[in-house]
N, C-alpha and C. Protein backbone atom coordinates (compact mmCIF):
# COMPACT_ATOMS: atom_id res chain seq x y z
N MET A 1 0.96 -1.19 0.05
CA MET A 1 0.26 0.19 0.05
C MET A 1 0.84 1.21 0.23
N LYS A 2 0.63 2.13 -0.71
CA LYS A 2 1.15 3.46 -0.51
C LYS A 2 1.18 4.47 0.54
N LEU A 3 2.26 4.75 0.89
CA LEU A 3 2.48 5.62 2.11
C LEU A 3 2.10 7.20 1.41
N SER A 4 1.47 7.90 2.45
CA SER A 4 1.40 9.35 2.46
C SER A 4 2.24 9.80 3.47
N VAL A 5 3.08 10.69 2.92
CA VAL A 5 4.20 11.46 4.17
C VAL A 5 3.73 12.86 4.54
N GLY A 6 3.35 13.41 5.22
CA GLY A 6 3.22 14.99 5.37
C GLY A 6 3.88 15.40 6.63
N ILE A 7 4.60 16.71 6.18
CA ILE A 7 5.33 17.49 7.17
C ILE A 7 4.80 18.77 7.71
N ASP A 8 4.72 19.68 8.64
CA ASP A 8 4.47 20.51 9.00
C ASP A 8 4.97 20.88 10.22
N GLU A 9 5.18 22.45 10.43
CA GLU A 9 6.11 23.07 11.64
C GLU A 9 5.00 23.76 12.40
N ALA A 10 5.24 24.06 13.61
CA ALA A 10 4.70 25.09 14.79
C ALA A 10 5.72 25.83 15.42
N GLY A 11 5.52 27.00 15.57
CA GLY A 11 6.47 27.98 16.24
C GLY A 11 7.38 28.78 15.35
N ARG A 12 7.05 28.61 14.07
CA ARG A 12 8.10 29.52 12.98
C ARG A 12 7.96 31.09 13.53
N GLY A 13 6.91 31.54 13.76
CA GLY A 13 7.19 32.86 13.96
C GLY A 13 7.25 33.55 15.39
N CYS A 14 7.10 32.44 16.28
CA CYS A 14 7.08 32.79 17.63
C CYS A 14 8.31 33.57 18.17
N VAL A 15 8.55 34.35 19.14
CA VAL A 15 9.58 34.79 19.79
C VAL A 15 10.17 34.39 20.90
N ILE A 16 9.36 33.48 21.60
CA ILE A 16 9.81 32.72 22.67
C ILE A 16 9.54 31.33 22.33
N GLY A 17 10.54 30.58 22.89
CA GLY A 17 10.52 28.87 22.84
C GLY A 17 10.85 28.30 21.31
N PRO A 18 10.84 27.16 20.93
CA PRO A 18 11.32 26.49 20.06
C PRO A 18 10.23 26.35 18.84
N MET A 19 10.94 26.05 17.56
CA MET A 19 10.10 25.66 16.25
C MET A 19 10.28 24.03 16.25
N VAL A 20 9.04 23.44 15.92
CA VAL A 20 8.86 21.88 16.32
C VAL A 20 8.44 21.70 14.63
N VAL A 21 9.11 20.55 14.18
CA VAL A 21 8.89 20.26 12.86
C VAL A 21 8.37 18.73 13.22
N ALA A 22 7.46 18.27 12.47
CA ALA A 22 6.74 17.07 12.74
C ALA A 22 6.47 16.48 11.28
N VAL A 23 6.84 14.81 11.08
CA VAL A 23 6.57 14.19 10.29
C VAL A 23 5.68 12.96 10.42
N VAL A 24 4.62 12.58 9.78
CA VAL A 24 3.72 11.84 9.92
C VAL A 24 3.76 10.71 8.79
N ALA A 25 3.72 9.49 8.65
CA ALA A 25 3.18 8.70 7.74
C ALA A 25 2.08 7.82 7.88
N ALA A 26 1.38 7.86 6.82
CA ALA A 26 -0.04 7.49 7.08
C ALA A 26 -0.58 6.46 5.66
N ASP A 27 -1.16 5.12 5.94
CA ASP A 27 -1.69 4.36 4.63
C ASP A 27 -3.08 4.84 4.57
N GLU A 28 -3.67 4.20 3.69
CA GLU A 28 -4.96 4.57 3.20
C GLU A 28 -5.93 4.67 4.46
N ALA A 29 -5.81 3.44 5.00
CA ALA A 29 -6.95 3.51 6.14
C ALA A 29 -6.68 4.45 7.20
N ASP A 30 -5.37 4.97 7.45
CA ASP A 30 -5.07 5.96 8.40
C ASP A 30 -5.73 7.38 7.63
N ARG A 31 -5.51 7.49 6.67
CA ARG A 31 -6.10 8.75 5.96
C ARG A 31 -7.67 8.54 6.16
N ARG A 32 -8.06 7.49 5.73
CA ARG A 32 -9.79 7.44 6.26
C ARG A 32 -10.00 7.93 7.49
N TRP A 33 -9.37 7.48 8.60
CA TRP A 33 -9.24 7.80 9.91
C TRP A 33 -9.23 9.20 10.21
N PHE A 34 -8.38 9.68 9.35
CA PHE A 34 -7.93 11.24 9.60
C PHE A 34 -9.50 11.99 9.31
N TRP A 35 -9.91 11.57 8.08
CA TRP A 35 -10.86 12.40 7.57
C TRP A 35 -12.42 12.27 8.40
N LYS A 36 -12.40 10.86 8.99
CA LYS A 36 -13.84 10.76 10.21
C LYS A 36 -13.44 11.46 11.05
N ARG A 37 -12.22 11.69 11.84
CA ARG A 37 -11.94 12.44 13.01
C ARG A 37 -11.67 14.08 12.72
N ASN A 38 -11.76 14.39 11.16
CA ASN A 38 -11.62 15.96 10.79
C ASN A 38 -10.40 16.17 11.27
N VAL A 39 -9.32 15.87 11.11
CA VAL A 39 -7.93 15.85 11.24
C VAL A 39 -7.64 16.83 10.15
N ARG A 40 -6.98 18.05 10.68
CA ARG A 40 -6.76 19.13 9.94
C ARG A 40 -5.88 20.18 10.52
N ASP A 41 -5.52 21.25 10.00
CA ASP A 41 -4.74 22.25 10.39
C ASP A 41 -4.95 22.40 11.54
N SER A 42 -3.82 22.63 12.49
CA SER A 42 -3.94 22.61 14.22
C SER A 42 -4.55 23.95 14.79
N LYS A 43 -4.54 24.95 13.88
CA LYS A 43 -4.93 26.28 14.39
C LYS A 43 -6.51 26.35 14.25
N LEU A 44 -7.07 25.40 13.55
CA LEU A 44 -8.54 25.20 13.54
C LEU A 44 -9.15 24.19 14.45
N VAL A 45 -8.10 23.53 15.21
CA VAL A 45 -8.68 22.82 15.93
C VAL A 45 -8.66 23.35 17.37
N PRO A 46 -9.81 23.23 18.37
CA PRO A 46 -9.85 23.73 19.79
C PRO A 46 -8.66 22.76 20.38
N PRO A 47 -7.98 23.41 21.38
CA PRO A 47 -6.98 22.71 22.23
C PRO A 47 -7.26 21.40 22.96
N PRO A 48 -8.39 21.13 23.47
CA PRO A 48 -8.83 19.63 24.12
C PRO A 48 -8.79 18.84 23.12
N GLN A 49 -9.49 18.94 22.06
CA GLN A 49 -9.55 18.41 20.79
C GLN A 49 -8.32 17.83 20.33
N ARG A 50 -7.79 18.95 19.82
CA ARG A 50 -6.00 18.93 19.62
C ARG A 50 -5.09 17.67 20.26
N MET A 51 -5.32 17.93 21.84
CA MET A 51 -4.63 17.15 22.45
C MET A 51 -4.85 15.86 22.55
N LYS A 52 -6.20 15.46 22.11
CA LYS A 52 -6.81 14.19 22.27
C LYS A 52 -6.17 13.35 20.57
N LEU A 53 -6.47 14.01 19.84
CA LEU A 53 -5.97 13.76 18.39
C LEU A 53 -4.71 13.39 18.29
N ALA A 54 -3.79 14.41 19.12
CA ALA A 54 -2.38 14.00 18.96
C ALA A 54 -1.97 12.69 19.42
N LYS A 55 -2.59 12.63 20.75
CA LYS A 55 -2.37 10.91 21.47
C LYS A 55 -2.55 9.88 20.35
N GLU A 56 -3.90 10.30 19.74
CA GLU A 56 -4.52 8.92 18.82
C GLU A 56 -3.54 8.82 17.64
N ILE A 57 -3.13 9.97 17.26
CA ILE A 57 -2.35 10.06 15.85
C ILE A 57 -1.03 9.55 16.44
N ARG A 58 -0.19 9.75 17.51
CA ARG A 58 0.88 9.01 18.14
C ARG A 58 0.73 7.42 18.09
N GLU A 59 -0.26 7.26 18.61
CA GLU A 59 -0.37 5.79 18.85
C GLU A 59 -0.90 4.82 17.68
N ARG A 60 -1.34 5.73 16.56
CA ARG A 60 -1.79 5.18 15.38
C ARG A 60 -0.61 4.96 14.25
N CYS A 61 -0.08 6.09 14.31
CA CYS A 61 1.05 6.27 12.95
C CYS A 61 2.27 6.30 13.37
N TRP A 62 3.30 6.09 12.38
CA TRP A 62 4.68 6.36 12.43
C TRP A 62 4.87 7.70 12.46
N PHE A 63 5.63 8.49 13.31
CA PHE A 63 5.91 9.86 12.97
C PHE A 63 7.49 10.29 13.52
N SER A 64 7.84 11.58 13.44
CA SER A 64 9.16 11.83 14.06
C SER A 64 9.05 13.38 14.17
N LEU A 65 9.63 13.83 15.45
CA LEU A 65 9.76 15.11 15.54
C LEU A 65 11.23 16.04 15.85
N LYS A 66 11.02 17.10 15.20
CA LYS A 66 12.58 17.61 15.37
C LYS A 66 12.28 19.02 16.37
N ILE A 67 13.11 18.95 17.00
CA ILE A 67 12.89 20.28 18.17
C ILE A 67 14.29 21.36 17.65
N ILE A 68 13.80 22.61 17.44
CA ILE A 68 14.98 23.42 17.13
C ILE A 68 14.60 24.55 18.00
N SER A 69 16.00 24.67 19.08
CA SER A 69 15.74 25.75 19.77
C SER A 69 15.71 27.35 19.48
N PRO A 70 15.71 27.98 20.16
CA PRO A 70 15.80 29.32 19.81
C PRO A 70 17.06 29.81 19.41
N ALA A 71 17.85 29.49 19.97
CA ALA A 71 19.85 29.68 19.61
C ALA A 71 19.49 29.16 18.05
N GLU A 72 19.29 28.01 18.08
CA GLU A 72 19.54 27.61 16.50
C GLU A 72 18.84 28.30 15.42
N VAL A 73 17.74 28.92 15.97
CA VAL A 73 16.74 29.90 14.91
C VAL A 73 17.55 30.94 14.58
N ASP A 74 18.32 31.78 15.69
CA ASP A 74 19.15 32.83 15.89
C ASP A 74 20.53 32.73 14.95
N ARG A 75 20.91 31.43 14.81
CA ARG A 75 22.23 31.30 14.02
C ARG A 75 21.75 31.22 12.56
N ALA A 76 20.42 30.68 12.36
CA ALA A 76 20.07 30.46 10.88
C ALA A 76 19.87 32.04 10.76
N VAL A 77 18.98 32.58 11.40
CA VAL A 77 18.65 34.05 10.81
C VAL A 77 19.80 34.81 10.56
N ARG A 78 20.78 34.74 11.63
CA ARG A 78 22.05 35.88 11.43
C ARG A 78 22.82 35.27 10.10
N ASP A 79 22.84 33.86 9.69
CA ASP A 79 23.61 33.45 8.62
C ASP A 79 22.49 33.75 7.19
N ARG A 80 23.08 34.67 6.39
CA ARG A 80 22.32 35.22 5.43
C ARG A 80 22.20 33.96 4.31
N SER A 81 23.18 33.26 4.34
CA SER A 81 23.33 32.36 3.30
C SER A 81 22.60 31.33 3.52
N ARG A 82 21.92 31.33 4.78
CA ARG A 82 21.28 30.01 5.55
C ARG A 82 19.73 30.15 5.54
N THR A 83 19.46 31.07 6.47
CA THR A 83 17.97 31.89 6.66
C THR A 83 17.04 30.95 7.25
N LEU A 84 16.13 31.61 8.04
CA LEU A 84 15.06 30.78 8.52
C LEU A 84 14.56 29.41 7.47
N ASN A 85 14.31 30.10 6.52
CA ASN A 85 13.78 28.74 5.34
C ASN A 85 14.73 27.94 5.09
N GLY A 86 16.17 28.55 4.95
CA GLY A 86 16.95 27.34 5.14
C GLY A 86 16.99 26.52 6.05
N LEU A 87 16.92 26.96 7.33
CA LEU A 87 16.97 26.01 8.51
C LEU A 87 15.36 25.01 8.40
N GLU A 88 14.37 25.67 8.15
CA GLU A 88 13.57 25.00 8.16
C GLU A 88 13.48 23.57 6.92
N LEU A 89 14.16 23.90 5.66
CA LEU A 89 14.32 22.94 4.62
C LEU A 89 15.08 22.14 5.31
N GLU A 90 16.17 22.32 5.85
CA GLU A 90 17.27 21.08 6.47
C GLU A 90 16.37 20.21 7.37
N GLN A 91 15.49 20.96 8.08
CA GLN A 91 14.62 19.92 9.18
C GLN A 91 13.74 19.20 8.39
N MET A 92 13.21 19.88 7.37
CA MET A 92 12.46 18.82 6.65
C MET A 92 12.87 17.80 6.01
N GLY A 93 14.03 18.15 5.43
CA GLY A 93 14.97 17.16 4.79
C GLY A 93 15.34 15.89 5.58
N GLU A 94 15.77 16.18 6.93
CA GLU A 94 15.82 15.33 7.68
C GLU A 94 14.62 14.49 8.10
N CYS A 95 13.51 14.96 8.00
CA CYS A 95 12.33 14.16 8.31
C CYS A 95 12.15 13.26 7.31
N LEU A 96 12.37 13.69 6.12
CA LEU A 96 12.16 12.75 4.90
C LEU A 96 13.11 11.77 5.07
N GLN A 97 14.37 12.02 5.22
CA GLN A 97 15.17 10.91 5.44
C GLN A 97 14.96 9.87 6.48
N ASP A 98 14.25 10.44 7.55
CA ASP A 98 13.90 9.64 8.57
C ASP A 98 12.74 8.60 8.27
N ALA A 99 11.86 9.05 7.25
CA ALA A 99 10.89 8.38 6.59
C ALA A 99 11.27 7.24 5.73
N LEU A 100 12.28 7.74 5.18
CA LEU A 100 12.98 6.60 4.15
C LEU A 100 13.71 5.70 4.64
N SER A 101 14.41 6.07 5.79
CA SER A 101 14.90 4.96 6.82
C SER A 101 13.99 3.96 7.28
N GLU A 102 12.91 4.61 7.87
CA GLU A 102 11.76 3.94 8.27
C GLU A 102 11.21 2.65 7.38
N PHE A 103 11.08 3.08 6.06
CA PHE A 103 10.05 2.47 5.03
C PHE A 103 10.92 2.41 3.65
N PRO A 104 12.08 2.02 3.74
CA PRO A 104 13.06 1.87 2.67
C PRO A 104 12.07 1.15 1.51
N GLU A 105 11.27 0.08 1.66
CA GLU A 105 10.70 -0.64 0.57
C GLU A 105 9.22 -0.19 0.03
N ARG A 106 8.74 0.73 0.95
CA ARG A 106 7.35 1.33 0.55
C ARG A 106 7.29 2.39 -0.51
N GLU A 107 6.24 2.05 -1.20
CA GLU A 107 6.14 3.50 -2.19
C GLU A 107 5.38 4.56 -1.53
N ALA A 108 6.14 5.83 -1.29
CA ALA A 108 5.70 6.74 -0.74
C ALA A 108 5.48 8.01 -1.83
N TYR A 109 4.43 8.94 -1.34
CA TYR A 109 4.47 10.45 -1.48
C TYR A 109 4.51 11.58 -0.37
N ALA A 110 5.40 12.43 -0.74
CA ALA A 110 5.37 12.98 0.48
C ALA A 110 4.66 14.71 -0.03
N VAL A 111 4.17 15.46 1.13
CA VAL A 111 3.70 16.68 1.03
C VAL A 111 4.29 17.37 2.11
N VAL A 112 4.51 18.55 1.45
CA VAL A 112 5.12 19.45 2.80
C VAL A 112 4.33 20.76 2.54
N ASP A 113 4.33 21.54 3.70
CA ASP A 113 3.85 23.07 3.56
C ASP A 113 4.85 23.98 3.26
N ALA A 114 4.88 24.43 2.17
CA ALA A 114 6.08 25.48 1.76
C ALA A 114 6.19 26.60 2.53
N PRO A 115 7.32 26.90 3.13
CA PRO A 115 7.48 28.13 3.98
C PRO A 115 7.80 29.21 2.83
N SER A 116 8.38 28.95 1.61
CA SER A 116 8.91 29.99 0.79
C SER A 116 7.90 30.28 -0.39
N ILE A 117 7.97 31.54 -0.55
CA ILE A 117 6.90 32.19 -1.82
C ILE A 117 7.22 31.22 -2.95
N ASN A 118 8.50 30.93 -3.49
CA ASN A 118 8.56 30.08 -4.54
C ASN A 118 8.51 28.29 -4.23
N ALA A 119 7.30 28.18 -4.32
CA ALA A 119 7.20 26.70 -3.94
C ALA A 119 8.03 25.65 -4.56
N GLN A 120 8.11 25.60 -6.14
CA GLN A 120 9.08 25.14 -6.74
C GLN A 120 10.23 24.98 -6.44
N GLY A 121 10.79 26.26 -6.30
CA GLY A 121 12.28 26.32 -5.93
C GLY A 121 12.65 25.65 -4.83
N PHE A 122 11.74 25.88 -3.81
CA PHE A 122 11.75 25.30 -2.36
C PHE A 122 11.81 23.54 -2.51
N LEU A 123 10.79 23.17 -3.43
CA LEU A 123 10.71 21.70 -3.74
C LEU A 123 11.95 21.15 -4.14
N GLU A 124 12.92 21.86 -5.19
CA GLU A 124 14.10 21.48 -5.84
C GLU A 124 15.12 21.36 -4.90
N LYS A 125 15.23 22.16 -3.93
CA LYS A 125 16.13 21.96 -2.89
C LYS A 125 16.20 21.03 -1.93
N LEU A 126 14.68 20.89 -1.72
CA LEU A 126 14.41 19.83 -0.63
C LEU A 126 14.59 18.46 -1.06
N LEU A 127 14.39 18.30 -2.50
CA LEU A 127 14.77 16.92 -2.96
C LEU A 127 16.16 16.89 -3.24
N MET A 128 17.04 17.73 -3.45
CA MET A 128 18.64 17.56 -3.33
C MET A 128 18.59 17.38 -1.77
N HIS A 129 18.53 17.99 -0.94
CA HIS A 129 18.47 17.91 0.67
C HIS A 129 18.16 16.78 1.25
N SER A 130 17.30 15.99 0.79
CA SER A 130 16.59 14.68 1.65
C SER A 130 16.72 13.51 1.00
N GLY A 131 17.44 13.44 -0.36
CA GLY A 131 17.63 12.41 -0.99
C GLY A 131 16.31 11.52 -1.34
N TRP A 132 15.08 12.20 -1.38
CA TRP A 132 13.42 11.79 -1.88
C TRP A 132 13.83 11.10 -3.25
N PRO A 133 13.55 9.87 -3.39
CA PRO A 133 13.78 9.27 -4.79
C PRO A 133 13.40 10.06 -6.09
N ASP A 134 12.29 10.45 -5.82
CA ASP A 134 11.45 10.77 -7.24
C ASP A 134 10.55 12.10 -6.90
N MET A 135 11.00 13.24 -7.76
CA MET A 135 10.61 14.15 -7.58
C MET A 135 8.79 14.20 -8.08
N ASP A 136 8.24 13.58 -8.92
CA ASP A 136 6.93 13.00 -9.14
C ASP A 136 6.16 12.91 -7.88
N ARG A 137 7.12 12.43 -6.63
CA ARG A 137 6.24 12.08 -5.53
C ARG A 137 6.35 12.76 -4.23
N LEU A 138 7.02 14.07 -4.54
CA LEU A 138 7.34 15.06 -3.56
C LEU A 138 6.49 16.27 -4.14
N ILE A 139 5.78 16.77 -3.15
CA ILE A 139 4.72 17.81 -3.67
C ILE A 139 5.06 19.06 -2.45
N ALA A 140 5.00 20.17 -2.80
CA ALA A 140 5.41 21.33 -1.86
C ALA A 140 3.95 22.02 -2.18
N LYS A 141 3.23 22.26 -1.03
CA LYS A 141 2.10 23.43 -1.30
C LYS A 141 2.10 24.41 -0.22
N HIS A 142 1.48 25.90 -0.73
CA HIS A 142 1.04 26.69 0.23
C HIS A 142 0.01 26.11 1.07
N ARG A 143 -0.32 26.23 2.44
CA ARG A 143 -1.16 25.88 3.41
C ARG A 143 -1.63 24.50 2.98
N ALA A 144 -0.63 23.66 2.80
CA ALA A 144 -0.91 22.41 2.62
C ALA A 144 -1.68 21.45 3.84
N ASP A 145 -1.33 22.38 5.07
CA ASP A 145 -2.02 21.79 6.21
C ASP A 145 -3.60 21.74 6.10
N LYS A 146 -3.87 22.84 5.32
CA LYS A 146 -5.62 22.99 5.18
C LYS A 146 -5.78 22.31 3.96
N ARG A 147 -5.02 21.61 3.31
CA ARG A 147 -5.29 21.01 2.21
C ARG A 147 -5.13 19.42 2.00
N ASP A 148 -4.17 18.83 2.84
CA ASP A 148 -3.94 17.45 2.98
C ASP A 148 -3.81 16.97 4.36
N ARG A 149 -4.60 15.64 4.64
CA ARG A 149 -5.02 15.38 5.74
C ARG A 149 -3.81 14.95 6.75
N THR A 150 -2.82 14.38 5.96
CA THR A 150 -1.38 13.86 6.48
C THR A 150 -0.87 15.03 7.03
N VAL A 151 -0.85 16.16 6.42
CA VAL A 151 0.03 17.20 6.60
C VAL A 151 -0.71 17.90 7.64
N GLY A 152 -2.14 17.72 7.62
CA GLY A 152 -2.86 18.17 9.21
C GLY A 152 -2.35 17.24 10.03
N ALA A 153 -2.22 16.37 10.14
CA ALA A 153 -2.00 15.26 11.32
C ALA A 153 -0.44 15.71 11.63
N ALA A 154 0.34 16.34 10.92
CA ALA A 154 1.61 16.45 11.36
C ALA A 154 1.46 17.86 12.03
N SER A 155 0.75 19.02 11.23
CA SER A 155 0.29 20.21 12.12
C SER A 155 -0.11 19.84 13.50
N ILE A 156 -0.99 18.95 13.87
CA ILE A 156 -1.50 18.53 15.22
C ILE A 156 -0.38 18.03 16.24
N LEU A 157 0.56 17.51 15.29
CA LEU A 157 1.89 16.85 16.20
C LEU A 157 2.78 17.70 16.72
N ALA A 158 3.20 18.63 15.67
CA ALA A 158 4.17 19.72 15.90
C ALA A 158 3.44 20.59 16.82
N LYS A 159 1.88 21.37 16.78
CA LYS A 159 1.53 22.17 17.56
C LYS A 159 1.59 21.38 19.31
N ASP A 160 1.13 20.21 19.19
CA ASP A 160 0.96 19.96 20.55
C ASP A 160 2.32 19.69 21.21
N GLU A 161 3.20 19.10 20.59
CA GLU A 161 4.53 18.83 21.00
C GLU A 161 5.08 20.27 21.54
N ARG A 162 4.94 21.39 20.64
CA ARG A 162 5.29 22.93 21.38
C ARG A 162 4.76 23.32 22.17
N GLU A 163 3.33 22.99 22.42
CA GLU A 163 2.32 23.56 23.59
C GLU A 163 2.94 23.05 24.71
N ARG A 164 3.23 21.54 24.71
CA ARG A 164 3.81 20.87 25.93
C ARG A 164 5.29 21.53 26.30
N LEU A 165 5.93 21.65 25.50
CA LEU A 165 7.49 22.47 25.58
C LEU A 165 7.10 23.61 26.20
N ILE A 166 6.39 24.62 25.74
CA ILE A 166 6.00 25.68 26.30
C ILE A 166 5.65 25.76 27.66
N ALA A 167 4.75 24.67 28.36
CA ALA A 167 3.99 24.75 29.22
C ALA A 167 5.18 24.37 30.36
N LYS A 168 6.07 23.43 29.83
CA LYS A 168 7.45 23.09 30.81
C LYS A 168 8.17 24.24 30.96
N LEU A 169 8.40 25.33 29.92
CA LEU A 169 9.17 26.33 30.23
C LEU A 169 8.61 27.20 31.03
N LYS A 170 7.28 27.55 31.00
CA LYS A 170 6.70 28.26 31.82
C LYS A 170 6.70 27.79 33.38
N GLN A 171 6.53 26.58 33.52
CA GLN A 171 7.02 26.11 34.86
C GLN A 171 8.39 26.17 35.25
N ARG A 172 9.19 26.11 34.45
CA ARG A 172 10.62 26.26 34.89
C ARG A 172 10.95 27.66 35.19
N LEU A 173 10.13 28.78 34.68
CA LEU A 173 10.45 30.05 34.70
C LEU A 173 9.88 30.61 35.79
N GLY A 174 8.79 30.13 36.00
CA GLY A 174 7.61 30.32 37.29
C GLY A 174 6.55 31.57 36.90
N CYS A 175 6.58 31.98 35.49
CA CYS A 175 5.51 32.99 35.22
C CYS A 175 4.79 32.39 33.90
N ASP A 176 3.89 33.27 33.41
CA ASP A 176 3.05 33.04 32.24
C ASP A 176 3.38 34.04 31.49
N PHE A 177 4.18 33.80 30.16
CA PHE A 177 4.56 34.61 29.30
C PHE A 177 3.40 34.89 28.06
N GLY A 178 2.20 33.93 28.16
CA GLY A 178 1.18 33.85 26.89
C GLY A 178 1.77 32.68 26.12
N SER A 179 1.46 33.45 24.65
CA SER A 179 1.80 32.53 23.82
C SER A 179 3.22 32.22 23.34
N GLY A 180 3.90 33.21 23.46
CA GLY A 180 5.12 33.25 22.95
C GLY A 180 5.21 33.96 21.59
N TYR A 181 3.92 34.52 20.86
CA TYR A 181 4.30 35.03 19.66
C TYR A 181 4.07 36.69 19.85
N CYS A 182 4.85 37.46 18.82
CA CYS A 182 5.00 38.56 18.94
C CYS A 182 3.56 39.62 19.22
N HIS A 183 2.49 39.16 18.78
CA HIS A 183 1.16 40.03 19.19
C HIS A 183 0.67 39.95 20.33
N ASP A 184 1.33 39.02 21.03
CA ASP A 184 0.81 38.54 22.54
C ASP A 184 1.18 39.76 23.60
N GLU A 185 0.23 40.26 24.27
CA GLU A 185 0.68 41.15 24.94
C GLU A 185 1.38 40.91 26.48
N ARG A 186 1.14 39.50 26.54
CA ARG A 186 1.72 38.93 28.06
C ARG A 186 3.41 38.76 27.47
N THR A 187 3.29 38.01 26.24
CA THR A 187 4.69 37.79 25.89
C THR A 187 5.22 39.09 25.76
N ARG A 188 4.97 40.27 25.09
CA ARG A 188 5.81 41.49 24.96
C ARG A 188 6.15 42.05 26.20
N LEU A 189 5.26 41.97 27.41
CA LEU A 189 5.68 42.35 28.70
C LEU A 189 6.81 41.73 29.07
N HIS A 190 6.86 40.35 29.11
CA HIS A 190 7.74 39.71 29.47
C HIS A 190 9.06 39.86 28.78
N LEU A 191 9.07 40.09 27.55
CA LEU A 191 10.43 40.46 26.85
C LEU A 191 10.79 41.63 27.46
N LYS A 192 10.15 42.51 28.15
CA LYS A 192 10.81 43.72 28.92
C LYS A 192 11.39 43.55 30.00
N THR A 193 11.31 42.50 30.75
CA THR A 193 11.85 42.13 31.69
C THR A 193 12.82 40.81 31.76
N VAL A 194 12.96 40.43 30.63
CA VAL A 194 13.90 39.09 30.64
C VAL A 194 15.27 39.47 30.80
N PRO A 195 15.92 38.31 31.23
CA PRO A 195 17.40 38.80 31.33
C PRO A 195 18.05 38.68 30.00
N ALA A 196 19.24 39.65 29.95
CA ALA A 196 19.87 39.40 28.45
C ALA A 196 20.36 37.98 28.30
N ARG A 197 20.16 37.97 26.97
CA ARG A 197 20.54 36.48 26.40
C ARG A 197 20.04 35.23 27.08
N ALA A 198 18.80 35.37 27.69
CA ALA A 198 18.06 34.50 28.07
C ALA A 198 17.72 33.12 26.92
N PRO A 199 18.10 32.24 27.12
CA PRO A 199 18.20 31.05 26.22
C PRO A 199 16.82 30.58 25.52
N HIS A 200 15.71 31.17 26.16
CA HIS A 200 14.29 30.84 25.56
C HIS A 200 13.58 31.92 24.73
N VAL A 201 14.55 33.02 24.26
CA VAL A 201 14.13 34.02 23.63
C VAL A 201 15.08 34.15 22.17
N ARG A 202 14.05 34.28 21.08
CA ARG A 202 14.84 34.60 19.79
C ARG A 202 15.46 35.84 19.61
N TRP A 203 16.67 36.26 20.04
CA TRP A 203 17.23 37.55 20.08
C TRP A 203 17.25 38.32 18.71
N THR A 204 17.17 37.52 17.73
CA THR A 204 17.18 38.10 16.47
C THR A 204 15.84 38.72 16.07
N TRP A 205 14.70 38.60 16.99
CA TRP A 205 13.56 38.79 16.09
C TRP A 205 13.53 40.62 16.57
N LYS A 206 12.77 41.16 15.43
CA LYS A 206 12.58 42.52 15.69
C LYS A 206 11.72 42.85 16.58
N THR A 207 10.69 42.40 17.06
CA THR A 207 10.00 42.75 18.56
C THR A 207 11.00 42.81 19.61
N VAL A 208 12.05 42.18 19.74
CA VAL A 208 12.98 42.41 20.65
C VAL A 208 13.73 43.46 20.74
N ASN A 209 14.25 43.81 19.70
CA ASN A 209 14.86 45.00 19.39
C ASN A 209 14.12 46.38 19.55
N ASP A 210 12.89 46.38 19.14
CA ASP A 210 11.65 47.17 19.23
C ASP A 210 11.60 47.71 20.68
N LEU A 211 11.50 46.33 21.58
CA LEU A 211 11.27 46.77 23.04
C LEU A 211 12.15 47.32 23.72
């Protein structure tokens, strides 16, 4: 049976906390299950339902997660030959390599949520970086998490893992800094009082410099 491999991220734009990239592999029975459970873009799923779906997806499907620290994000942003898009490309390439290693004999097609305006250019770089065997079975789409159920499953796992890590970070710091995204007032208030070079902050973000 053909495998569907979906990749998505959570936390790309946040100023606090890690970015998480998830990959999920699903067969046709899994995709029917996704459809019945209305698995979709994690931003459209209420938190209690998202947590339940994430647990069920982890129990049902093969998956892999990549955790990218704020320091790693900052290094990529400072390196203009690499950039944030390049960092995400590297992590997605590693996710595809994980899937190839896990299912070397299975025919599979992969769909990724393209972070670049030039989806075709991103796809060509991803093909080279990942070693995926066939361009015809590798698809990069904008808003793929809304258009493909397996990418939606990856979106849910990435979001659930990031939320778990953010909850642990809040507990360790002893404060509630909100969502960690730039528009959140609690996040902005926290950034005004955070110690210099605190490892949970992305110091290359314009929001930090503005504050």
